[in-house]
PDB file of N, CA and C in Angstrom:
ATOM      1  N   MET A   1     -17.585  31.016  50.421  1.00  0.00           N
ATOM      2  CA  MET A   1     -16.477  30.386  50.149  1.00  0.00           C
ATOM      3  C   MET A   1     -16.416  28.823  50.452  1.00  0.00           C
ATOM      4  N   SER A   2     -15.260  27.743  50.228  1.00  0.00           N
ATOM      5  CA  SER A   2     -14.775  26.902  51.729  1.00  0.00           C
ATOM      6  C   SER A   2     -13.202  27.505  52.001  1.00  0.00           C
ATOM      7  N   ASN A   3     -12.903  26.978  53.100  1.00  0.00           N
ATOM      8  CA  ASN A   3     -11.437  27.043  53.517  1.00  0.00           C
ATOM      9  C   ASN A   3     -10.784  26.672  52.835  1.00  0.00           C
ATOM     10  N   ASP A   4     -10.252  25.776  51.543  1.00  0.00           N
ATOM     11  CA  ASP A   4      -9.683  26.006  50.953  1.00  0.00           C
ATOM     12  C   ASP A   4      -9.417  27.383  49.116  1.00  0.00           C
ATOM     13  N   GLU A   5     -10.818  27.817  49.451  1.00  0.00           N
ATOM     14  CA  GLU A   5     -10.665  28.843  48.258  1.00  0.00           C
ATOM     15  C   GLU A   5     -10.409  30.398  49.245  1.00  0.00           C
ATOM     16  N   ASN A   6     -10.758  30.567  50.411  1.00  0.00           N
ATOM     17  CA  ASN A   6      -9.891  30.988  51.552  1.00  0.00           C
ATOM     18  C   ASN A   6      -8.685  30.768  51.262  1.00  0.00           C
ATOM     19  N   LYS A   7      -7.994  29.665  52.135  1.00  0.00           N
ATOM     20  CA  LYS A   7      -6.152  30.023  51.552  1.00  0.00           C
ATOM     21  C   LYS A   7      -5.604  30.348  50.078  1.00  0.00           C
ATOM     22  N   LEU A   8      -7.026  29.375  49.361  1.00  0.00           N
ATOM     23  CA  LEU A   8      -6.029  30.146  47.590  1.00  0.00           C
ATOM     24  C   LEU A   8      -5.423  31.420  47.439  1.00  0.00           C
ATOM     25  N   GLU A   9      -7.016  32.008  47.808  1.00  0.00           N
ATOM     26  CA  GLU A   9      -7.844  34.050  47.619  1.00  0.00           C
ATOM     27  C   GLU A   9      -6.167  34.691  48.436  1.00  0.00           C
ATOM     28  N   ALA A  10      -5.896  34.206  49.655  1.00  0.00           N
ATOM     29  CA  ALA A  10      -5.298  34.977  50.364  1.00  0.00           C
ATOM     30  C   ALA A  10      -3.684  34.924  49.703  1.00  0.00           C
ATOM     31  N   THR A  11      -3.128  33.292  49.598  1.00  0.00           N
ATOM     32  CA  THR A  11      -2.033  32.786  49.034  1.00  0.00           C
ATOM     33  C   THR A  11      -1.613  33.932  47.511  1.00  0.00           C
ATOM     34  N   LEU A  12      -3.150  33.908  46.173  1.00  0.00           N
ATOM     35  CA  LEU A  12      -2.856  34.817  45.358  1.00  0.00           C
ATOM     36  C   LEU A  12      -2.260  36.443  45.602  1.00  0.00           C
ATOM     37  N   GLN A  13      -3.198  36.804  47.039  1.00  0.00           N
ATOM     38  CA  GLN A  13      -3.135  37.570  46.845  1.00  0.00           C
ATOM     39  C   GLN A  13      -1.425  38.630  47.939  1.00  0.00           C
ATOM     40  N   ALA A  14      -1.220  37.672  49.198  1.00  0.00           N
ATOM     41  CA  ALA A  14      -0.098  37.708  49.799  1.00  0.00           C
ATOM     42  C   ALA A  14       0.808  37.771  48.018  1.00  0.00           C
ATOM     43  N   LYS A  15       1.309  37.392  47.312  1.00  0.00           N
ATOM     44  CA  LYS A  15       1.742  37.293  45.964  1.00  0.00           C
ATOM     45  C   LYS A  15       2.293  37.942  44.998  1.00  0.00           C
ATOM     46  N   GLY A  16       0.689  39.023  45.133  1.00  0.00           N
ATOM     47  CA  GLY A  16       0.607  39.919  44.385  1.00  0.00           C
ATOM     48  C   GLY A  16       0.006  39.631  42.860  1.00  0.00           C
ATOM     49  N   LEU A  17      -0.562  38.493  42.408  1.00  0.00           N
ATOM     50  CA  LEU A  17      -0.937  38.118  41.582  1.00  0.00           C
ATOM     51  C   LEU A  17      -2.140  38.974  41.321  1.00  0.00           C
ATOM     52  N   ASN A  18      -2.521  40.073  40.609  1.00  0.00           N
ATOM     53  CA  ASN A  18      -3.577  40.518  40.813  1.00  0.00           C
ATOM     54  C   ASN A  18      -3.633  40.713  38.549  1.00  0.00           C
ATOM     55  N   ALA A  19      -3.520  40.521  38.572  1.00  0.00           N
ATOM     56  CA  ALA A  19      -4.258  40.289  36.954  1.00  0.00           C
ATOM     57  C   ALA A  19      -5.329  39.945  36.911  1.00  0.00           C
ATOM     58  N   PRO A  20      -6.025  40.296  35.547  1.00  0.00           N
ATOM     59  CA  PRO A  20      -7.321  39.581  35.849  1.00  0.00           C
ATOM     60  C   PRO A  20      -7.195  37.483  36.064  1.00  0.00           C
ATOM     61  N   ARG A  21      -8.587  38.216  36.610  1.00  0.00           N
ATOM     62  CA  ARG A  21      -8.752  36.635  37.137  1.00  0.00           C
ATOM     63  C   ARG A  21     -10.155  36.521  37.991  1.00  0.00           C
ATOM     64  N   LEU A  22     -10.079  34.619  37.743  1.00  0.00           N
ATOM     65  CA  LEU A  22     -12.106  34.534  38.931  1.00  0.00           C
ATOM     66  C   LEU A  22     -11.312  34.117  40.089  1.00  0.00           C
ATOM     67  N   THR A  23     -12.766  35.141  41.274  1.00  0.00           N
ATOM     68  CA  THR A  23     -12.665  34.953  42.123  1.00  0.00           C
ATOM     69  C   THR A  23     -13.367  33.466  42.446  1.00  0.00           C
ATOM     70  N   PRO A  24     -13.642  33.238  43.801  1.00  0.00           N
ATOM     71  CA  PRO A  24     -14.766  32.634  44.455  1.00  0.00           C
ATOM     72  C   PRO A  24     -16.373  33.662  44.543  1.00  0.00           C
ATOM     73  N   GLU A  25     -15.678  35.004  44.300  1.00  0.00           N
ATOM     74  CA  GLU A  25     -16.958  35.385  44.963  1.00  0.00           C
ATOM     75  C   GLU A  25     -17.699  35.989  43.716  1.00  0.00           C
ATOM     76  N   LEU A  26     -16.606  36.442  42.374  1.00  0.00           N
ATOM     77  CA  LEU A  26     -17.137  36.395  41.102  1.00  0.00           C
ATOM     78  C   LEU A  26     -18.185  34.769  40.462  1.00  0.00           C
ATOM     79  N   ILE A  27     -17.885  33.658  40.962  1.00  0.00           N
ATOM     80  CA  ILE A  27     -18.239  32.590  40.395  1.00  0.00           C
ATOM     81  C   ILE A  27     -19.829  32.534  41.363  1.00  0.00           C
ATOM     82  N   ASP A  28     -19.663  33.109  41.830  1.00  0.00           N
ATOM     83  CA  ASP A  28     -20.834  32.535  43.337  1.00  0.00           C
ATOM     84  C   ASP A  28     -22.017  33.828  42.894  1.00  0.00           C
ATOM     85  N   ALA A  29     -20.875  35.178  42.511  1.00  0.00           N
ATOM     86  CA  ALA A  29     -22.824  36.186  41.903  1.00  0.00           C
ATOM     87  C   ALA A  29     -23.015  35.821  40.509  1.00  0.00           C
ATOM     88  N   CYS A  30     -22.517  34.668  40.144  1.00  0.00           N
ATOM     89  CA  CYS A  30     -23.394  34.063  38.228  1.00  0.00           C
ATOM     90  C   CYS A  30     -24.045  33.167  38.791  1.00  0.00           C
ATOM     91  N   ILE A  31     -24.127  33.003  40.307  1.00  0.00           N
ATOM     92  CA  ILE A  31     -25.431  32.126  40.299  1.00  0.00           C
ATOM     93  C   ILE A  31     -26.669  32.811  40.557  1.00  0.00           C
ATOM     94  N   VAL A  32     -28.441  32.944  39.943  1.00  0.00           N
ATOM     95  CA  VAL A  32     -29.519  33.213  40.491  1.00  0.00           C
ATOM     96  C   VAL A  32     -30.354  32.217  40.557  1.00  0.00           C
ATOM     97  N   GLY A  33     -29.900  30.842  40.461  1.00  0.00           N
ATOM     98  CA  GLY A  33     -31.484  30.619  40.929  1.00  0.00           C
ATOM     99  C   GLY A  33     -30.206  28.979  41.473  1.00  0.00           C
ATOM    100  N   GLU A  34     -30.965  27.791  42.349  1.00  0.00           N
ATOM    101  CA  GLU A  34     -30.632  26.344  42.268  1.00  0.00           C
ATOM    102  C   GLU A  34     -32.308  25.599  42.155  1.00  0.00           C
ATOM    103  N   ALA A  35     -31.771  24.743  41.608  1.00  0.00           N
ATOM    104  CA  ALA A  35     -32.833  23.654  42.063  1.00  0.00           C
ATOM    105  C   ALA A  35     -32.264  22.013  41.975  1.00  0.00           C
ATOM    106  N   TYR A  36     -32.707  21.081  42.683  1.00  0.00           N
ATOM    107  CA  TYR A  36     -32.336  19.616  43.182  1.00  0.00           C
ATOM    108  C   TYR A  36     -33.590  19.241  43.181  1.00  0.00           C
ATOM    109  N   HIS A  37     -33.033  17.665  42.188  1.00  0.00           N
ATOM    110  CA  HIS A  37     -33.966  16.783  42.451  1.00  0.00           C
ATOM    111  C   HIS A  37     -33.223  15.204  42.852  1.00  0.00           C
ATOM    112  N   VAL A  38     -34.018  14.655  44.181  1.00  0.00           N
ATOM    113  CA  VAL A  38     -33.573  13.378  44.309  1.00  0.00           C
ATOM    114  C   VAL A  38     -34.404  12.125  43.329  1.00  0.00           C
ATOM    115  N   PHE A  39     -33.661  11.481  42.556  1.00  0.00           N
ATOM    116  CA  PHE A  39     -34.803   9.929  41.544  1.00  0.00           C
ATOM    117  C   PHE A  39     -34.785   9.073  42.706  1.00  0.00           C
ATOM    118  N   PRO A  40     -37.018   9.312  42.433  1.00  0.00           N
ATOM    119  CA  PRO A  40     -37.565   8.306  43.502  1.00  0.00           C
ATOM    120  C   PRO A  40     -37.147   7.261  43.632  1.00  0.00           C
ATOM    121  N   GLY A  41     -36.009   6.134  44.887  1.00  0.00           N
ATOM    122  CA  GLY A  41     -35.719   4.627  45.011  1.00  0.00           C
ATOM    123  C   GLY A  41     -34.478   5.002  44.765  1.00  0.00           C
ATOM    124  N   THR A  42     -33.571   5.844  44.757  1.00  0.00           N
ATOM    125  CA  THR A  42     -32.737   6.139  44.395  1.00  0.00           C
ATOM    126  C   THR A  42     -31.692   7.172  45.828  1.00  0.00           C
ATOM    127  N   THR A  43     -30.205   7.228  45.243  1.00  0.00           N
ATOM    128  CA  THR A  43     -29.619   8.063  46.261  1.00  0.00           C
ATOM    129  C   THR A  43     -28.960   9.915  45.510  1.00  0.00           C
ATOM    130  N   LEU A  44     -29.964   9.146  44.097  1.00  0.00           N
ATOM    131  CA  LEU A  44     -28.656  10.113  43.231  1.00  0.00           C
ATOM    132  C   LEU A  44     -29.319  11.602  43.609  1.00  0.00           C
ATOM    133  N   THR A  45     -28.982  12.910  43.847  1.00  0.00           N
ATOM    134  CA  THR A  45     -28.638  13.406  43.927  1.00  0.00           C
ATOM    135  C   THR A  45     -28.847  14.674  42.677  1.00  0.00           C
ATOM    136  N   VAL A  46     -29.843  15.432  42.358  1.00  0.00           N
ATOM    137  CA  VAL A  46     -28.740  15.936  40.941  1.00  0.00           C
ATOM    138  C   VAL A  46     -29.063  18.033  41.477  1.00  0.00           C
ATOM    139  N   CYS A  47     -28.104  18.558  41.062  1.00  0.00           N
ATOM    140  CA  CYS A  47     -28.440  20.312  41.401  1.00  0.00           C
ATOM    141  C   CYS A  47     -28.518  20.930  40.178  1.00  0.00           C
ATOM    142  N   ALA A  48     -29.167  21.570  39.647  1.00  0.00           N
ATOM    143  CA  ALA A  48     -28.849  22.606  38.262  1.00  0.00           C
ATOM    144  C   ALA A  48     -28.336  23.897  38.354  1.00  0.00           C
ATOM    145  N   LEU A  49     -28.150  24.991  38.643  1.00  0.00           N
ATOM    146  CA  LEU A  49     -27.635  26.354  39.201  1.00  0.00           C
ATOM    147  C   LEU A  49     -27.895  26.545  38.073  1.00  0.00           C
ATOM    148  N   THR A  50     -28.682  28.034  37.751  1.00  0.00           N
ATOM    149  CA  THR A  50     -28.817  29.243  36.729  1.00  0.00           C
ATOM    150  C   THR A  50     -27.745  30.346  36.944  1.00  0.00           C
ATOM    151  N   LEU A  51     -27.362  30.444  36.070  1.00  0.00           N
ATOM    152  CA  LEU A  51     -26.488  31.061  36.039  1.00  0.00           C
ATOM    153  C   LEU A  51     -27.053  32.505  34.824  1.00  0.00           C
ATOM    154  N   ARG A  52     -26.796  33.462  35.424  1.00  0.00           N
ATOM    155  CA  ARG A  52     -26.978  35.338  34.968  1.00  0.00           C
ATOM    156  C   ARG A  52     -27.528  35.283  33.358  1.00  0.00           C
ATOM    157  N   ASN A  53     -27.126  34.729  32.803  1.00  0.00           N
ATOM    158  CA  ASN A  53     -26.944  34.652  31.258  1.00  0.00           C
ATOM    159  C   ASN A  53     -28.927  33.321  31.244  1.00  0.00           C
ATOM    160  N   GLY A  54     -28.649  32.438  31.811  1.00  0.00           N
ATOM    161  CA  GLY A  54     -29.336  31.914  31.857  1.00  0.00           C
ATOM    162  C   GLY A  54     -29.746  30.558  31.647  1.00  0.00           C
ATOM    163  N   PHE A  55     -28.296  30.237  31.776  1.00  0.00           N
ATOM    164  CA  PHE A  55     -27.780  28.966  31.298  1.00  0.00           C
ATOM    165  C   PHE A  55     -27.841  28.492  32.281  1.00  0.00           C
ATOM    166  N   ASN A  56     -27.930  26.275  31.922  1.00  0.00           N
ATOM    167  CA  ASN A  56     -27.884  25.526  33.954  1.00  0.00           C
ATOM    168  C   ASN A  56     -27.225  24.938  34.115  1.00  0.00           C
ATOM    169  N   VAL A  57     -26.063  24.734  34.606  1.00  0.00           N
ATOM    170  CA  VAL A  57     -24.732  23.546  35.489  1.00  0.00           C
ATOM    171  C   VAL A  57     -25.329  22.685  35.937  1.00  0.00           C
ATOM    172  N   THR A  58     -24.712  21.439  36.174  1.00  0.00           N
ATOM    173  CA  THR A  58     -25.369  20.237  36.818  1.00  0.00           C
ATOM    174  C   THR A  58     -24.571  19.967  37.542  1.00  0.00           C
ATOM    175  N   GLY A  59     -25.214  19.277  38.818  1.00  0.00           N
ATOM    176  CA  GLY A  59     -23.733  18.585  39.299  1.00  0.00           C
ATOM    177  C   GLY A  59     -24.307  17.507  40.134  1.00  0.00           C
ATOM    178  N   GLU A  60     -23.950  16.758  40.730  1.00  0.00           N
ATOM    179  CA  GLU A  60     -24.484  15.537  40.703  1.00  0.00           C
ATOM    180  C   GLU A  60     -24.118  14.325  41.553  1.00  0.00           C
ATOM    181  N   SER A  61     -25.073  13.788  42.765  1.00  0.00           N
ATOM    182  CA  SER A  61     -23.964  13.597  43.856  1.00  0.00           C
ATOM    183  C   SER A  61     -24.957  11.883  44.370  1.00  0.00           C
ATOM    184  N   ALA A  62     -24.587  10.841  44.645  1.00  0.00           N
ATOM    185  CA  ALA A  62     -25.039   9.632  44.854  1.00  0.00           C
ATOM    186  C   ALA A  62     -24.358   8.584  46.029  1.00  0.00           C
ATOM    187  N   ALA A  63     -24.897   8.458  46.937  1.00  0.00           N
ATOM    188  CA  ALA A  63     -23.923   7.824  48.062  1.00  0.00           C
ATOM    189  C   ALA A  63     -24.781   5.941  47.049  1.00  0.00           C
ATOM    190  N   ALA A  64     -23.280   5.585  47.812  1.00  0.00           N
ATOM    191  CA  ALA A  64     -22.939   4.258  47.340  1.00  0.00           C
ATOM    192  C   ALA A  64     -24.199   3.360  48.289  1.00  0.00           C
ATOM    193  N   SER A  65     -24.038   3.040  49.365  1.00  0.00           N
ATOM    194  CA  SER A  65     -24.937   2.929  50.519  1.00  0.00           C
ATOM    195  C   SER A  65     -26.384   3.909  50.594  1.00  0.00           C
ATOM    196  N   PRO A  66     -27.248   3.504  50.554  1.00  0.00           N
ATOM    197  CA  PRO A  66     -28.551   3.689  50.623  1.00  0.00           C
ATOM    198  C   PRO A  66     -28.854   3.980  51.907  1.00  0.00           C
ATOM    199  N   ALA A  67     -28.319   3.368  53.142  1.00  0.00           N
ATOM    200  CA  ALA A  67     -28.291   3.546  54.611  1.00  0.00           C
ATOM    201  C   ALA A  67     -27.483   4.716  55.076  1.00  0.00           C
ATOM    202  N   ASN A  68     -26.390   4.983  53.461  1.00  0.00           N
ATOM    203  CA  ASN A  68     -25.567   5.988  54.131  1.00  0.00           C
ATOM    204  C   ASN A  68     -25.985   7.309  53.562  1.00  0.00           C
ATOM    205  N   PHE A  69     -27.510   7.107  52.881  1.00  0.00           N
ATOM    206  CA  PHE A  69     -28.523   8.194  52.594  1.00  0.00           C
ATOM    207  C   PHE A  69     -28.320   9.637  52.492  1.00  0.00           C
ATOM    208  N   ASP A  70     -28.001  10.573  53.611  1.00  0.00           N
ATOM    209  CA  ASP A  70     -28.573  12.221  53.735  1.00  0.00           C
ATOM    210  C   ASP A  70     -29.418  12.835  52.927  1.00  0.00           C
ATOM    211  N   PRO A  71     -30.283  13.614  52.347  1.00  0.00           N
ATOM    212  CA  PRO A  71     -30.626  14.339  51.957  1.00  0.00           C
ATOM    213  C   PRO A  71     -30.177  15.936  51.641  1.00  0.00           C
ATOM    214  N   GLU A  72     -29.588  16.077  52.460  1.00  0.00           N
ATOM    215  CA  GLU A  72     -29.348  18.057  52.465  1.00  0.00           C
ATOM    216  C   GLU A  72     -27.994  17.380  52.012  1.00  0.00           C
ATOM    217  N   ILE A  73     -27.065  16.687  52.551  1.00  0.00           N
ATOM    218  CA  ILE A  73     -25.044  16.407  52.468  1.00  0.00           C
ATOM    219  C   ILE A  73     -25.380  15.840  50.546  1.00  0.00           C
ATOM    220  N   GLY A  74     -26.497  15.247  50.255  1.00  0.00           N
ATOM    221  CA  GLY A  74     -26.654  15.169  48.774  1.00  0.00           C
ATOM    222  C   GLY A  74     -26.345  16.708  47.928  1.00  0.00           C
ATOM    223  N   ARG A  75     -28.009  16.681  48.555  1.00  0.00           N
ATOM    224  CA  ARG A  75     -27.484  18.342  47.980  1.00  0.00           C
ATOM    225  C   ARG A  75     -26.512  19.151  47.824  1.00  0.00           C
ATOM    226  N   GLN A  76     -25.472  19.563  49.049  1.00  0.00           N
ATOM    227  CA  GLN A  76     -24.084  19.806  49.357  1.00  0.00           C
ATOM    228  C   GLN A  76     -23.528  19.150  48.226  1.00  0.00           C
ATOM    229  N   ILE A  77     -23.657  17.808  47.848  1.00  0.00           N
ATOM    230  CA  ILE A  77     -22.266  17.622  47.227  1.00  0.00           C
ATOM    231  C   ILE A  77     -22.133  17.794  45.919  1.00  0.00           C
ATOM    232  N   ALA A  78     -23.918  17.878  45.755  1.00  0.00           N
ATOM    233  CA  ALA A  78     -24.450  18.063  44.470  1.00  0.00           C
ATOM    234  C   ALA A  78     -24.198  19.588  44.090  1.00  0.00           C
ATOM    235  N   ARG A  79     -24.204  20.670  44.622  1.00  0.00           N
ATOM    236  CA  ARG A  79     -24.435  21.861  44.012  1.00  0.00           C
ATOM    237  C   ARG A  79     -22.532  22.248  44.322  1.00  0.00           C
ATOM    238  N   LYS A  80     -22.095  21.613  44.955  1.00  0.00           N
ATOM    239  CA  LYS A  80     -20.318  21.942  44.708  1.00  0.00           C
ATOM    240  C   LYS A  80     -19.714  21.465  43.492  1.00  0.00           C
ATOM    241  N   ASN A  81     -20.171  20.299  43.210  1.00  0.00           N
ATOM    242  CA  ASN A  81     -19.748  19.837  42.040  1.00  0.00           C
ATOM    243  C   ASN A  81     -20.455  20.688  40.869  1.00  0.00           C
ATOM    244  N   ALA A  82     -21.808  21.283  40.508  1.00  0.00           N
ATOM    245  CA  ALA A  82     -21.845  21.961  39.827  1.00  0.00           C
ATOM    246  C   ALA A  82     -21.467  23.187  39.931  1.00  0.00           C
ATOM    247  N   ARG A  83     -21.016  23.710  41.271  1.00  0.00           N
ATOM    248  CA  ARG A  83     -20.578  25.101  41.139  1.00  0.00           C
ATOM    249  C   ARG A  83     -19.238  25.102  40.374  1.00  0.00           C
ATOM    250  N   GLU A  84     -18.419  23.054  40.907  1.00  0.00           N
ATOM    251  CA  GLU A  84     -17.618  23.599  40.036  1.00  0.00           C
ATOM    252  C   GLU A  84     -16.759  23.957  38.754  1.00  0.00           C
ATOM    253  N   LYS A  85     -17.936  23.945  38.153  1.00  0.00           N
ATOM    254  CA  LYS A  85     -18.039  23.315  36.881  1.00  0.00           C
ATOM    255  C   LYS A  85     -18.412  24.948  35.771  1.00  0.00           C
ATOM    256  N   ILE A  86     -18.514  25.686  36.552  1.00  0.00           N
ATOM    257  CA  ILE A  86     -18.803  27.311  36.766  1.00  0.00           C
ATOM    258  C   ILE A  86     -17.440  28.143  36.507  1.00  0.00           C
ATOM    259  N   TRP A  87     -16.468  27.417  36.765  1.00  0.00           N
ATOM    260  CA  TRP A  87     -15.496  27.480  37.056  1.00  0.00           C
ATOM    261  C   TRP A  87     -14.888  27.663  35.769  1.00  0.00           C
ATOM    262  N   ALA A  88     -14.276  25.945  34.833  1.00  0.00           N
ATOM    263  CA  ALA A  88     -14.048  26.224  33.588  1.00  0.00           C
ATOM    264  C   ALA A  88     -14.928  26.710  32.730  1.00  0.00           C
ATOM    265  N   PHE A  89     -16.543  27.435  32.453  1.00  0.00           N
ATOM    266  CA  PHE A  89     -16.927  28.153  31.738  1.00  0.00           C
ATOM    267  C   PHE A  89     -16.625  29.427  32.366  1.00  0.00           C
ATOM    268  N   GLU A  90     -16.085  30.298  32.756  1.00  0.00           N
ATOM    269  CA  GLU A  90     -16.074  31.371  33.321  1.00  0.00           C
ATOM    270  C   GLU A  90     -14.635  32.092  32.883  1.00  0.00           C
ATOM    271  N   GLY A  91     -13.709  30.108  33.657  1.00  0.00           N
ATOM    272  CA  GLY A  91     -12.129  30.881  32.728  1.00  0.00           C
ATOM    273  C   GLY A  91     -12.356  31.128  31.536  1.00  0.00           C
ATOM    274  N   TYR A  92     -12.617  30.574  30.641  1.00  0.00           N
ATOM    275  CA  TYR A  92     -12.916  30.516  29.416  1.00  0.00           C
ATOM    276  C   TYR A  92     -13.925  31.828  28.062  1.00  0.00           C
ATOM    277  N   LEU A  93     -14.853  32.611  29.717  1.00  0.00           N
ATOM    278  CA  LEU A  93     -15.151  33.546  28.602  1.00  0.00           C
ATOM    279  C   LEU A  93     -13.978  34.615  29.236  1.00  0.00           C
ATOM    280  N   LEU A  94     -13.223  34.178  30.205  1.00  0.00           N
ATOM    281  CA  LEU A  94     -12.523  35.606  31.010  1.00  0.00           C
ATOM    282  C   LEU A  94     -11.123  35.703  29.886  1.00  0.00           C
ATOM    283  N   ARG A  95     -11.082  33.904  29.607  1.00  0.00           N
ATOM    284  CA  ARG A  95      -9.523  34.681  28.226  1.00  0.00           C
ATOM    285  C   ARG A  95     -10.085  34.909  26.444  1.00  0.00           C
ATOM    286  N   GLU A  96     -11.055  34.545  26.751  1.00  0.00           N
ATOM    287  CA  GLU A  96     -11.506  34.970  25.585  1.00  0.00           C
ATOM    288  C   GLU A  96     -12.019  36.301  25.494  1.00  0.00           C
ATOM    289  N   ARG A  97     -11.872  36.690  26.786  1.00  0.00           N
ATOM    290  CA  ARG A  97     -12.296  38.466  27.077  1.00  0.00           C
ATOM    291  C   ARG A  97     -11.114  39.153  26.516  1.00  0.00           C
ATOM    292  N   LEU A  98      -9.570  39.001  27.348  1.00  0.00           N
ATOM    293  CA  LEU A  98      -8.375  38.734  27.059  1.00  0.00           C
ATOM    294  C   LEU A  98      -8.508  38.677  26.338  1.00  0.00           C
ATOM    295  N   HIS A  99      -8.182  37.521  25.467  1.00  0.00           N
ATOM    296  CA  HIS A  99      -7.726  37.335  24.043  1.00  0.00           C
ATOM    297  C   HIS A  99      -8.082  38.414  22.811  1.00  0.00           C
ATOM    298  N   GLN A 100      -9.873  38.764  22.468  1.00  0.00           N
ATOM    299  CA  GLN A 100     -10.513  40.221  22.180  1.00  0.00           C
ATOM    300  C   GLN A 100      -9.354  41.396  22.974  1.00  0.00           C
ATOM    301  N   VAL A 101      -9.217  41.104  23.859  1.00  0.00           N
ATOM    302  CA  VAL A 101      -8.407  42.719  23.870  1.00  0.00           C
ATOM    303  C   VAL A 101      -7.270  42.782  23.152  1.00  0.00           C
ATOM    304  N   ALA A 102      -6.550  41.993  23.538  1.00  0.00           N
ATOM    305  CA  ALA A 102      -5.311  41.452  22.941  1.00  0.00           C
ATOM    306  C   ALA A 102      -5.238  42.560  21.047  1.00  0.00           C
ATOM    307  N   LEU A 103      -6.477  41.198  20.611  1.00  0.00           N
ATOM    308  CA  LEU A 103      -6.511  41.469  19.195  1.00  0.00           C
ATOM    309  C   LEU A 103      -7.180  43.509  18.866  1.00  0.00           C
ATOM    310  N   GLY A 104      -7.362  43.498  20.059  1.00  0.00           N
ATOM    311  CA  GLY A 104      -6.819  45.193  19.468  1.00  0.00           C
ATOM    312  C   GLY A 104      -8.565  46.056  18.457  1.00  0.00           C
ATOM    313  N   ASP A 105      -8.279  46.410  17.074  1.00  0.00           N
ATOM    314  CA  ASP A 105      -9.361  46.901  16.179  1.00  0.00           C
ATOM    315  C   ASP A 105      -9.328  45.724  15.265  1.00  0.00           C
ATOM    316  N   ARG A 106      -8.813  44.900  14.972  1.00  0.00           N
ATOM    317  CA  ARG A 106      -9.062  44.093  13.946  1.00  0.00           C
ATOM    318  C   ARG A 106     -10.054  43.821  14.208  1.00  0.00           C
ATOM    319  N   ALA A 107     -10.561  43.711  12.938  1.00  0.00           N
ATOM    320  CA  ALA A 107     -12.255  42.167  12.335  1.00  0.00           C
ATOM    321  C   ALA A 107     -12.630  41.636  12.895  1.00  0.00           C
ATOM    322  N   HIS A 108     -14.043  41.102  13.299  1.00  0.00           N
ATOM    323  CA  HIS A 108     -14.007  39.739  13.458  1.00  0.00           C
ATOM    324  C   HIS A 108     -15.098  39.402  12.671  1.00  0.00           C
ATOM    325  N   ASP A 109     -15.759  38.031  12.859  1.00  0.00           N
ATOM    326  CA  ASP A 109     -17.465  37.758  13.109  1.00  0.00           C
ATOM    327  C   ASP A 109     -17.759  37.816  13.620  1.00  0.00           C
ATOM    328  N   ASP A 110     -18.899  37.093  13.387  1.00  0.00           N
ATOM    329  CA  ASP A 110     -20.038  37.105  14.905  1.00  0.00           C
ATOM    330  C   ASP A 110     -19.184  35.976  15.864  1.00  0.00           C
ATOM    331  N   LEU A 111     -18.520  34.871  15.667  1.00  0.00           N
ATOM    332  CA  LEU A 111     -17.934  34.275  16.952  1.00  0.00           C
ATOM    333  C   LEU A 111     -16.094  34.644  16.823  1.00  0.00           C
ATOM    334  N   GLY A 112     -16.025  35.828  16.839  1.00  0.00           N
ATOM    335  CA  GLY A 112     -15.361  36.638  17.250  1.00  0.00           C
ATOM    336  C   GLY A 112     -13.782  35.620  16.381  1.00  0.00           C
ATOM    337  N   ARG A 113     -14.432  35.155  15.555  1.00  0.00           N
ATOM    338  CA  ARG A 113     -13.096  34.934  14.201  1.00  0.00           C
ATOM    339  C   ARG A 113     -12.460  36.723  14.239  1.00  0.00           C
ATOM    340  N   VAL A 114     -11.249  36.039  13.694  1.00  0.00           N
ATOM    341  CA  VAL A 114     -10.573  37.046  12.970  1.00  0.00           C
ATOM    342  C   VAL A 114     -11.302  37.663  11.872  1.00  0.00           C
ATOM    343  N   ALA A 115     -10.987  38.082  11.018  1.00  0.00           N
ATOM    344  CA  ALA A 115     -12.531  38.074   9.851  1.00  0.00           C
ATOM    345  C   ALA A 115     -10.981  38.267   8.424  1.00  0.00           C
TER     346      ALA A 115
END
């Protein structure tokens, strides 16, 4: 969890904002694997994070100047960028779950639409 995430989490808790929401810990718990690739002859680094359901999320980084390329920094930035994408996916899933609860007993088709 980054310092910014720690500060935001502390603010949310201090304000008593405890409705269902995502947390950095929940995002990190989604990740079950990671792999990296640096394309030969480039500064492009790709991180693929594997989520617990088998879905892969990718993040990229690239140094504008090859002289500034550092593989470890490239991996860190690519991973951070991939992890950021998980928030959107998990946010959608949480909102869908809340929506389904709000619908209650109404019938739904296989895609979650009211039948």
